[in-house]
Protein backbone atom coordinates (compact mmCIF):
# COMPACT_ATOMS: atom_id res chain seq x y z
CA MET A 1 -20.97 -0.93 -54.73
CA SER A 2 -17.38 -1.79 -55.35
CA ASN A 3 -16.37 1.09 -53.21
CA LEU A 4 -18.48 -0.17 -50.40
CA SER A 5 -17.17 -3.66 -50.56
CA GLN A 6 -13.63 -2.34 -50.51
CA PHE A 7 -14.41 -0.27 -47.50
CA ILE A 8 -15.88 -3.08 -45.29
CA LYS A 9 -13.05 -5.39 -46.27
CA LEU A 10 -10.97 -6.69 -43.30
CA GLU A 11 -7.28 -5.80 -43.93
CA GLY A 12 -4.13 -6.54 -42.12
CA ASP A 13 -2.93 -9.83 -40.79
CA LYS A 14 -5.76 -12.57 -41.09
CA THR A 15 -4.29 -14.65 -38.29
CA ILE A 16 -4.74 -11.78 -35.81
CA TRP A 17 -8.25 -11.28 -36.92
CA THR A 18 -8.92 -14.96 -36.46
CA ILE A 19 -7.44 -14.89 -32.90
CA VAL A 20 -9.48 -11.90 -31.95
CA PHE A 21 -12.86 -13.46 -33.01
CA SER A 22 -11.84 -16.76 -31.34
CA LEU A 23 -10.92 -15.05 -27.94
CA LEU A 24 -14.16 -12.96 -28.07
CA THR A 25 -16.37 -15.97 -28.83
CA ILE A 26 -14.79 -17.88 -25.71
CA SER A 27 -15.53 -14.68 -23.93
CA VAL A 28 -19.26 -14.66 -24.76
CA LEU A 29 -19.83 -18.19 -23.99
CA VAL A 30 -18.12 -18.00 -20.47
CA VAL A 31 -19.82 -14.75 -19.40
CA TYR A 32 -23.16 -16.01 -20.41
CA SER A 33 -22.54 -19.18 -18.32
CA VAL A 34 -21.33 -17.17 -15.25
CA GLU A 35 -23.71 -14.27 -15.38
CA GLY A 36 -26.80 -14.98 -17.62
CA LEU A 37 -28.46 -13.33 -20.59
CA SER A 38 -28.87 -9.77 -19.27
CA ALA A 39 -25.23 -9.25 -18.40
CA THR A 40 -24.09 -11.07 -21.67
CA THR A 41 -26.16 -8.57 -23.67
CA SER A 42 -24.33 -5.55 -22.25
CA HIS A 43 -21.04 -7.42 -22.73
CA VAL A 44 -22.02 -8.17 -26.43
CA ARG A 45 -22.62 -4.47 -26.86
CA ASN A 46 -19.25 -3.58 -25.53
CA ILE A 47 -17.66 -6.18 -27.85
CA PHE A 48 -19.58 -4.70 -30.74
CA ILE A 49 -18.22 -1.16 -29.96
CA GLY A 50 -14.77 -2.55 -29.56
CA LEU A 51 -14.88 -4.33 -33.00
CA VAL A 52 -16.26 -1.26 -34.61
CA SER A 53 -13.45 0.83 -33.10
CA MET A 54 -10.95 -1.77 -34.14
CA TYR A 55 -12.17 -1.81 -37.64
CA MET A 56 -12.22 1.89 -38.01
CA VAL A 57 -8.74 2.25 -36.48
CA HIS A 58 -7.17 -0.39 -38.75
CA LYS A 59 -8.36 1.51 -41.77
CA LEU A 60 -6.20 4.45 -40.85
CA LYS A 61 -2.54 4.90 -41.99
CA PHE A 62 -0.47 4.20 -38.95
CA LYS A 63 1.52 7.45 -39.31
CA TYR A 64 -1.57 9.32 -37.85
CA PHE A 65 -1.19 7.50 -34.64
CA SER A 66 2.06 9.35 -33.89
CA LYS A 67 0.43 12.74 -33.43
CA LEU A 68 -2.73 11.29 -32.01
CA SER A 69 -0.61 9.76 -29.27
CA VAL A 70 0.46 13.27 -28.06
CA VAL A 71 -3.16 14.27 -27.83
CA ALA A 72 -4.15 11.00 -26.12
CA VAL A 73 -1.41 11.20 -23.60
CA LEU A 74 -2.48 14.78 -22.68
CA MET A 75 -5.98 13.77 -22.36
CA SER A 76 -4.94 10.81 -20.13
CA VAL A 77 -3.06 13.10 -17.75
CA VAL A 78 -6.19 15.35 -17.35
CA LEU A 79 -8.57 12.43 -16.99
CA LEU A 80 -6.30 10.72 -14.45
CA ILE A 81 -6.07 13.92 -12.31
CA VAL A 82 -9.95 14.21 -12.62
CA VAL A 83 -10.40 10.64 -11.42
CA LEU A 84 -8.04 11.16 -8.46
CA LEU A 85 -10.07 14.24 -7.39
CA ILE A 86 -13.76 13.20 -8.09
CA GLY A 87 -13.60 9.64 -9.44
CA ILE A 88 -16.17 7.03 -8.51
CA GLU A 89 -14.85 4.88 -5.70
CA ILE A 90 -15.67 1.12 -6.14
CA ASN A 91 -14.22 -1.47 -3.77
CA GLY A 92 -11.95 1.28 -2.19
CA ALA A 93 -10.36 2.30 -5.38
CA LYS A 94 -10.99 5.49 -7.34
CA ARG A 95 -10.47 4.20 -10.98
CA TRP A 96 -13.69 5.18 -12.74
CA ILE A 97 -15.40 8.34 -14.03
CA PHE A 98 -18.79 8.38 -15.84
CA LEU A 99 -19.19 9.66 -19.30
CA ALA A 100 -22.49 9.52 -21.11
CA GLY A 101 -23.83 7.05 -18.64
CA LEU A 102 -20.87 4.64 -19.14
CA SER A 103 -18.17 4.03 -16.60
CA PHE A 104 -14.72 4.71 -17.91
CA GLN A 105 -11.21 3.97 -16.59
CA PRO A 106 -8.82 6.60 -17.85
CA SER A 107 -5.98 4.14 -17.22
CA ASP A 108 -7.10 1.98 -20.10
CA LEU A 109 -6.49 5.03 -22.37
CA ALA A 110 -3.30 5.94 -20.66
CA LYS A 111 -1.59 2.55 -20.89
CA ILE A 112 -2.00 2.35 -24.64
CA SER A 113 -1.28 6.05 -25.58
CA ILE A 114 1.94 6.34 -23.44
CA LEU A 115 3.42 3.30 -25.25
CA VAL A 116 2.58 4.79 -28.67
CA LEU A 117 3.97 8.12 -27.50
CA MET A 118 7.21 6.43 -26.37
CA CYS A 119 7.53 4.83 -29.82
CA ARG A 120 7.03 8.16 -31.50
CA GLN A 121 9.72 9.78 -29.29
CA ILE A 122 12.24 6.96 -29.86
CA SER A 123 11.68 7.12 -33.56
CA LYS A 124 11.69 10.91 -33.81
CA TYR A 125 14.26 11.82 -31.20
CA ARG A 126 16.49 8.83 -31.09
CA ASP A 127 19.53 11.07 -31.69
CA TYR A 128 18.79 12.85 -28.43
CA LEU A 129 18.50 9.86 -26.26
CA HIS A 130 22.16 9.27 -25.57
CA ASP A 131 22.39 11.71 -22.64
CA TRP A 132 20.34 11.97 -19.38
CA LYS A 133 18.67 15.06 -20.40
CA GLY A 134 17.21 13.87 -23.63
CA PHE A 135 16.33 10.46 -21.95
CA ILE A 136 14.43 11.91 -19.22
CA TRP A 137 12.67 14.70 -21.13
CA TYR A 138 11.60 12.66 -24.23
CA LEU A 139 11.22 9.23 -22.78
CA PHE A 140 11.35 8.37 -19.06
CA GLY A 141 9.56 11.55 -17.78
CA PRO A 142 6.23 10.92 -19.69
CA LEU A 143 6.33 7.26 -18.63
CA VAL A 144 6.88 8.10 -14.93
CA LEU A 145 4.16 10.83 -14.91
CA ILE A 146 1.58 8.41 -16.34
CA CYS A 147 2.61 5.69 -13.88
CA LEU A 148 2.46 8.06 -10.83
CA LEU A 149 -0.94 9.22 -11.75
CA ILE A 150 -2.26 5.72 -11.94
CA TYR A 151 -0.25 4.48 -8.78
CA PRO A 152 -2.54 5.87 -5.98
CA SER A 153 -5.58 3.86 -6.99
CA ASN A 154 -4.14 0.85 -9.10
CA PHE A 155 -0.75 -0.24 -8.21
CA SER A 156 -0.70 -3.32 -10.55
CA THR A 157 -1.77 -1.39 -13.62
CA SER A 158 0.91 1.28 -12.73
CA ALA A 159 3.44 -1.52 -12.39
CA LEU A 160 2.44 -3.12 -15.75
CA VAL A 161 2.64 0.25 -17.61
CA PHE A 162 6.18 0.62 -16.06
CA LEU A 163 7.25 -2.83 -17.14
CA ASN A 164 5.75 -2.29 -20.67
CA GLY A 165 7.69 1.04 -20.98
CA PHE A 166 10.86 -0.83 -19.83
CA PHE A 167 10.69 -3.56 -22.28
CA LEU A 168 9.98 -1.15 -25.03
CA MET A 169 13.26 0.50 -24.25
CA ILE A 170 14.91 -2.95 -24.43
CA PHE A 171 13.34 -3.54 -27.82
CA ALA A 172 14.59 -0.06 -28.93
CA LYS A 173 18.12 -0.96 -27.70
CA ILE A 174 18.14 2.14 -25.21
CA HIS A 175 21.67 2.25 -23.51
CA TYR A 176 21.98 -0.10 -20.56
CA LYS A 177 22.93 2.54 -18.07
CA PHE A 178 19.37 4.15 -18.46
CA LEU A 179 17.88 0.64 -18.22
CA LEU A 180 19.64 -0.07 -14.96
CA SER A 181 18.51 3.22 -13.63
CA ILE A 182 14.82 2.24 -14.55
CA VAL A 183 15.28 -0.98 -12.69
CA GLY A 184 16.48 0.85 -9.61
CA VAL A 185 13.70 3.29 -9.74
CA GLY A 186 11.15 0.41 -10.02
CA LEU A 187 12.67 -1.43 -7.18
CA CYS A 188 12.60 1.69 -4.93
CA ILE A 189 8.92 2.27 -5.71
CA VAL A 190 8.03 -1.33 -4.81
CA GLY A 191 10.07 -1.28 -1.70
CA ILE A 192 8.60 2.10 -0.49
CA THR A 193 5.12 0.96 -1.34
CA TYR A 194 5.39 -2.31 0.65
CA LEU A 195 7.23 -0.95 3.63
CA GLY A 196 4.98 2.27 3.79
CA GLY A 197 1.82 0.24 3.42
CA LYS A 198 2.99 -1.98 6.27
CA TYR A 199 4.61 0.14 8.78
CA ILE A 200 3.85 3.90 8.15
CA PRO A 201 0.32 4.98 9.22
CA SER A 202 0.73 8.32 7.40
CA PHE A 203 1.49 6.47 4.22
CA GLN A 204 -1.48 4.19 4.80
CA LYS A 205 -3.68 7.18 5.20
CA SER A 206 -2.44 9.02 2.18
CA PHE A 207 -2.44 5.75 -0.04
CA THR A 208 -5.29 3.69 1.48
CA ARG A 209 -4.99 1.01 -1.29
CA SER A 210 -1.42 0.24 -0.02
CA VAL A 211 -2.94 -1.78 2.85
CA THR A 212 -4.66 -3.98 0.34
CA TRP A 213 -1.52 -4.32 -1.64
CA VAL A 214 0.60 -5.31 1.38
CA SER A 215 -2.15 -7.90 2.64
CA ARG A 216 -2.30 -9.60 -0.81
CA ILE A 217 1.50 -9.99 -0.90
CA ASP A 218 1.77 -10.99 2.82
CA ALA A 219 -1.05 -13.63 2.19
CA PHE A 220 0.70 -14.89 -0.79
CA LEU A 221 4.04 -15.10 0.95
CA SER A 222 2.43 -16.84 4.09
CA ILE A 223 3.74 -14.02 6.35
CA ASN A 224 0.39 -13.26 8.03
CA SER A 225 -1.43 -15.21 10.73
CA GLU A 226 -3.21 -18.34 9.58
CA ASN A 227 -6.75 -16.81 9.93
CA HIS A 228 -5.78 -13.78 7.92
CA LEU A 229 -3.92 -15.92 5.35
CA LYS A 230 -7.07 -18.15 4.84
CA ASP A 231 -9.33 -15.04 4.33
CA GLU A 232 -6.79 -13.45 1.85
CA ASN A 233 -6.18 -16.56 -0.16
CA ARG A 234 -9.86 -17.70 -0.23
CA GLN A 235 -10.05 -16.51 -3.84
CA GLN A 236 -7.15 -18.52 -5.11
CA ASN A 237 -8.28 -21.54 -3.13
CA GLU A 238 -11.65 -21.47 -4.80
CA ALA A 239 -9.83 -20.89 -8.23
CA LYS A 240 -7.78 -24.11 -7.63
CA ILE A 241 -11.07 -26.05 -6.82
CA ALA A 242 -12.36 -24.73 -10.33
CA ILE A 243 -9.26 -26.11 -12.01
CA LYS A 244 -9.55 -29.54 -10.28
CA ASN A 245 -13.29 -29.71 -11.24
CA GLY A 246 -12.55 -28.97 -14.79
CA GLY A 247 -9.98 -31.65 -15.30
CA LEU A 248 -8.95 -32.21 -18.91
CA PHE A 249 -12.20 -31.85 -20.64
CA GLY A 250 -14.36 -29.86 -18.30
CA GLU A 251 -17.85 -30.07 -16.69
CA GLY A 252 -19.51 -28.83 -19.79
CA PRO A 253 -20.81 -25.36 -20.82
CA GLY A 254 -22.72 -23.70 -17.94
CA LYS A 255 -22.26 -26.75 -15.67
CA GLY A 256 -19.59 -25.37 -13.45
CA VAL A 257 -20.36 -24.50 -9.79
CA GLN A 258 -17.46 -22.36 -8.79
CA GLN A 259 -18.90 -19.15 -10.18
CA HIS A 260 -20.99 -19.15 -7.08
CA PHE A 261 -18.00 -19.00 -4.94
CA VAL A 262 -15.41 -17.08 -7.00
CA TYR A 263 -15.40 -13.19 -6.69
CA ALA A 264 -15.26 -11.36 -10.04
CA GLY A 265 -15.58 -14.78 -11.89
CA GLU A 266 -16.62 -12.84 -15.05
CA SER A 267 -13.46 -10.64 -15.12
CA ASP A 268 -10.41 -11.27 -12.72
CA PHE A 269 -10.88 -15.05 -12.47
CA VAL A 270 -12.65 -15.81 -15.71
CA TYR A 271 -9.74 -18.14 -16.73
CA VAL A 272 -10.39 -20.79 -13.96
CA LEU A 273 -14.08 -20.83 -14.78
CA THR A 274 -13.25 -21.27 -18.37
CA ILE A 275 -11.03 -24.33 -17.40
CA GLU A 276 -13.86 -25.52 -15.16
CA GLN A 277 -16.45 -25.60 -17.97
CA TYR A 278 -14.15 -26.46 -20.89
CA GLY A 279 -11.33 -28.26 -19.37
CA ILE A 280 -7.52 -27.78 -19.27
CA ILE A 281 -7.17 -28.64 -22.89
CA PHE A 282 -9.88 -26.28 -24.45
CA GLY A 283 -10.44 -23.86 -21.52
CA GLY A 284 -6.72 -23.59 -20.42
CA LEU A 285 -4.21 -24.44 -23.19
CA LEU A 286 -6.31 -23.12 -26.13
CA PRO A 287 -6.44 -19.60 -24.84
CA MET A 288 -2.91 -19.67 -23.96
CA PHE A 289 -1.99 -20.87 -27.43
CA LEU A 290 -4.07 -18.18 -29.00
CA TYR A 291 -2.32 -15.43 -26.94
CA LEU A 292 1.19 -16.92 -27.76
CA LEU A 293 0.25 -17.10 -31.46
CA PHE A 294 -1.05 -13.34 -31.46
CA PHE A 295 2.42 -12.44 -29.96
CA TYR A 296 4.34 -14.50 -32.41
CA ARG A 297 2.47 -13.02 -35.50
CA SER A 298 3.01 -9.58 -34.05
CA ILE A 299 6.61 -10.12 -33.70
CA VAL A 300 6.94 -11.38 -37.27
CA ILE A 301 5.03 -8.28 -38.55
CA SER A 302 7.28 -6.03 -36.47
CA ARG A 303 10.42 -7.45 -37.79
CA ARG A 304 9.46 -6.92 -41.29
CA THR A 305 8.03 -3.40 -40.77
CA SER A 306 10.34 -0.76 -42.36
CA SER A 307 9.16 2.14 -40.13
CA VAL A 308 11.00 2.32 -36.67
CA PHE A 309 7.78 3.83 -35.20
CA GLY A 310 5.66 1.21 -36.79
CA SER A 311 7.95 -1.73 -35.69
CA LEU A 312 8.24 -0.52 -32.04
CA THR A 313 4.49 0.16 -31.72
CA ILE A 314 3.68 -3.37 -32.69
CA ALA A 315 6.28 -4.78 -30.56
CA SER A 316 5.27 -2.71 -27.46
CA LEU A 317 1.40 -3.13 -27.80
CA SER A 318 1.62 -6.87 -28.44
CA PHE A 319 3.97 -7.27 -25.53
CA ALA A 320 1.53 -5.29 -23.15
CA PHE A 321 -1.30 -7.58 -24.47
CA ILE A 322 0.52 -10.87 -23.69
CA LEU A 323 2.00 -9.57 -20.42
CA GLN A 324 -1.45 -8.75 -19.03
CA ALA A 325 -2.77 -12.20 -20.11
CA ALA A 326 0.22 -13.89 -18.45
CA VAL A 327 -0.35 -12.02 -15.25
CA ASN A 328 -4.10 -12.85 -15.20
CA MET A 329 -3.36 -16.42 -15.80
CA ALA A 330 -0.55 -16.56 -13.30
CA VAL A 331 -2.91 -15.17 -10.63
CA ASN A 332 -5.59 -17.62 -11.52
CA VAL A 333 -3.40 -20.56 -11.04
CA GLY A 334 -1.80 -19.24 -7.80
CA LEU A 335 1.61 -18.29 -9.13
CA ILE A 336 1.45 -14.61 -8.10
CA PRO A 337 -0.65 -12.56 -5.62
CA VAL A 338 -4.00 -11.11 -6.75
CA THR A 339 -3.57 -8.05 -8.96
CA GLY A 340 -6.98 -7.28 -10.26
CA GLN A 341 -5.82 -7.46 -13.93
CA THR A 342 -8.36 -8.92 -16.42
CA LEU A 343 -7.85 -11.39 -19.19
CA PRO A 344 -7.72 -9.47 -22.40
CA LEU A 345 -10.72 -9.99 -24.86
CA ILE A 346 -12.04 -12.76 -22.56
CA SER A 347 -12.94 -11.08 -19.31
CA LYS A 348 -16.11 -9.04 -19.17
CA GLY A 349 -15.37 -5.29 -19.35
CA GLY A 350 -16.36 -2.05 -20.81
CA THR A 351 -13.56 0.30 -21.66
CA SER A 352 -10.98 -2.51 -21.17
CA ILE A 353 -12.22 -4.51 -24.12
CA ILE A 354 -12.82 -1.36 -26.28
CA PHE A 355 -9.31 -0.08 -25.75
CA THR A 356 -7.83 -3.48 -26.13
CA CYS A 357 -9.57 -3.67 -29.51
CA ILE A 358 -8.21 -0.31 -30.54
CA ALA A 359 -4.63 -1.27 -29.70
CA ILE A 360 -5.02 -4.34 -31.81
CA GLY A 361 -6.59 -2.12 -34.63
CA ILE A 362 -3.32 -0.16 -34.49
CA ILE A 363 -1.36 -3.34 -34.90
CA LEU A 364 -3.52 -4.43 -37.84
CA SER A 365 -3.22 -0.95 -39.45
CA ILE A 366 0.63 -1.27 -39.28
CA SER A 367 0.47 -4.92 -40.65
CA LYS A 368 -1.03 -3.69 -43.92
CA ASN A 369 1.43 -0.90 -44.27
CA THR A 370 4.68 -2.58 -43.41
CA GLU A 371 6.64 -0.88 -46.32
CA TYR A 372 5.53 2.59 -45.22
CA ARG A 373 8.46 4.74 -44.32
CA ASP A 374 7.33 8.42 -44.78
CA TYR A 375 6.94 9.12 -41.17
CA GLU A 376 10.76 8.61 -40.53
CA LYS A 377 11.17 11.89 -42.30
CA ALA A 378 8.99 13.83 -39.79
């Protein structure tokens, strides 16, 4: 009996556990208000799978994630190629494959596994990262490969993965000449994507999603005609109405009306519907505070973690978590163009919630083994 109680005990940082349960509670309340009981039931099932996954992962010693990341990245490469060839197309984008009756986005696996792999490479091969050959082979090459495989169907996710990898290299104090080269590559890709999607028919035909990306950027920058601008910005206009309706304290649970007008209100635009129902204070500032507190706690744990691999893994995964949240919130309040990024642990989702929970499980695993250094000898 004592062994059982020891097994089911929640370990790791208690603040992070509390934040996770708080965000998931907000998620259930808002999804129920927006989509009703039947959709919430499937959402709760995914949350349960995510929590079980997080619990099982946090029980492992974090040294195992190093070798697992190699396997996970190889799996990601295969699955990303499969989804490009025979993936299910939804809203003009091939991002999904079906496994065991469930939709699955390989990019959700890829964006976590590539960061953990890069942390492994920096920790294990840091003496080889001072020249271009070692930098490209061990670090930059794997990151670019994953980003290029995600890029054709999901530019925003590809860009976020690239940014996450870039900031990881900053955390790891990679030489500035390599960092500058990464900035140059990133700007070139963004420029080629925009100009190709706007002016080059062959590029538009090869990368059909580029037309959507360009139209969103043009609409946001008010470049297109007035009618087209109104059509592209309708989502963000409806989002602003939801924020106005919410005011400081909200319309009340389930009393918002903008879920009838905002597309993807349970996922991409869940933040404004949360504000409409619970107000700017509880629906807007409270989730923001929880995300910032999560990042703060993660950085505290990272700084006291003896292992280079463990410290970088926490820093990179927590930064990826907070960056995605910031991007979603910025889209919802009209600060940046629409990206299609969900709000972590609040938006309705299948694999996105599950893999976010797995990433947090890795952070919790490291938080309970901060003095462990044996991996550094590998």
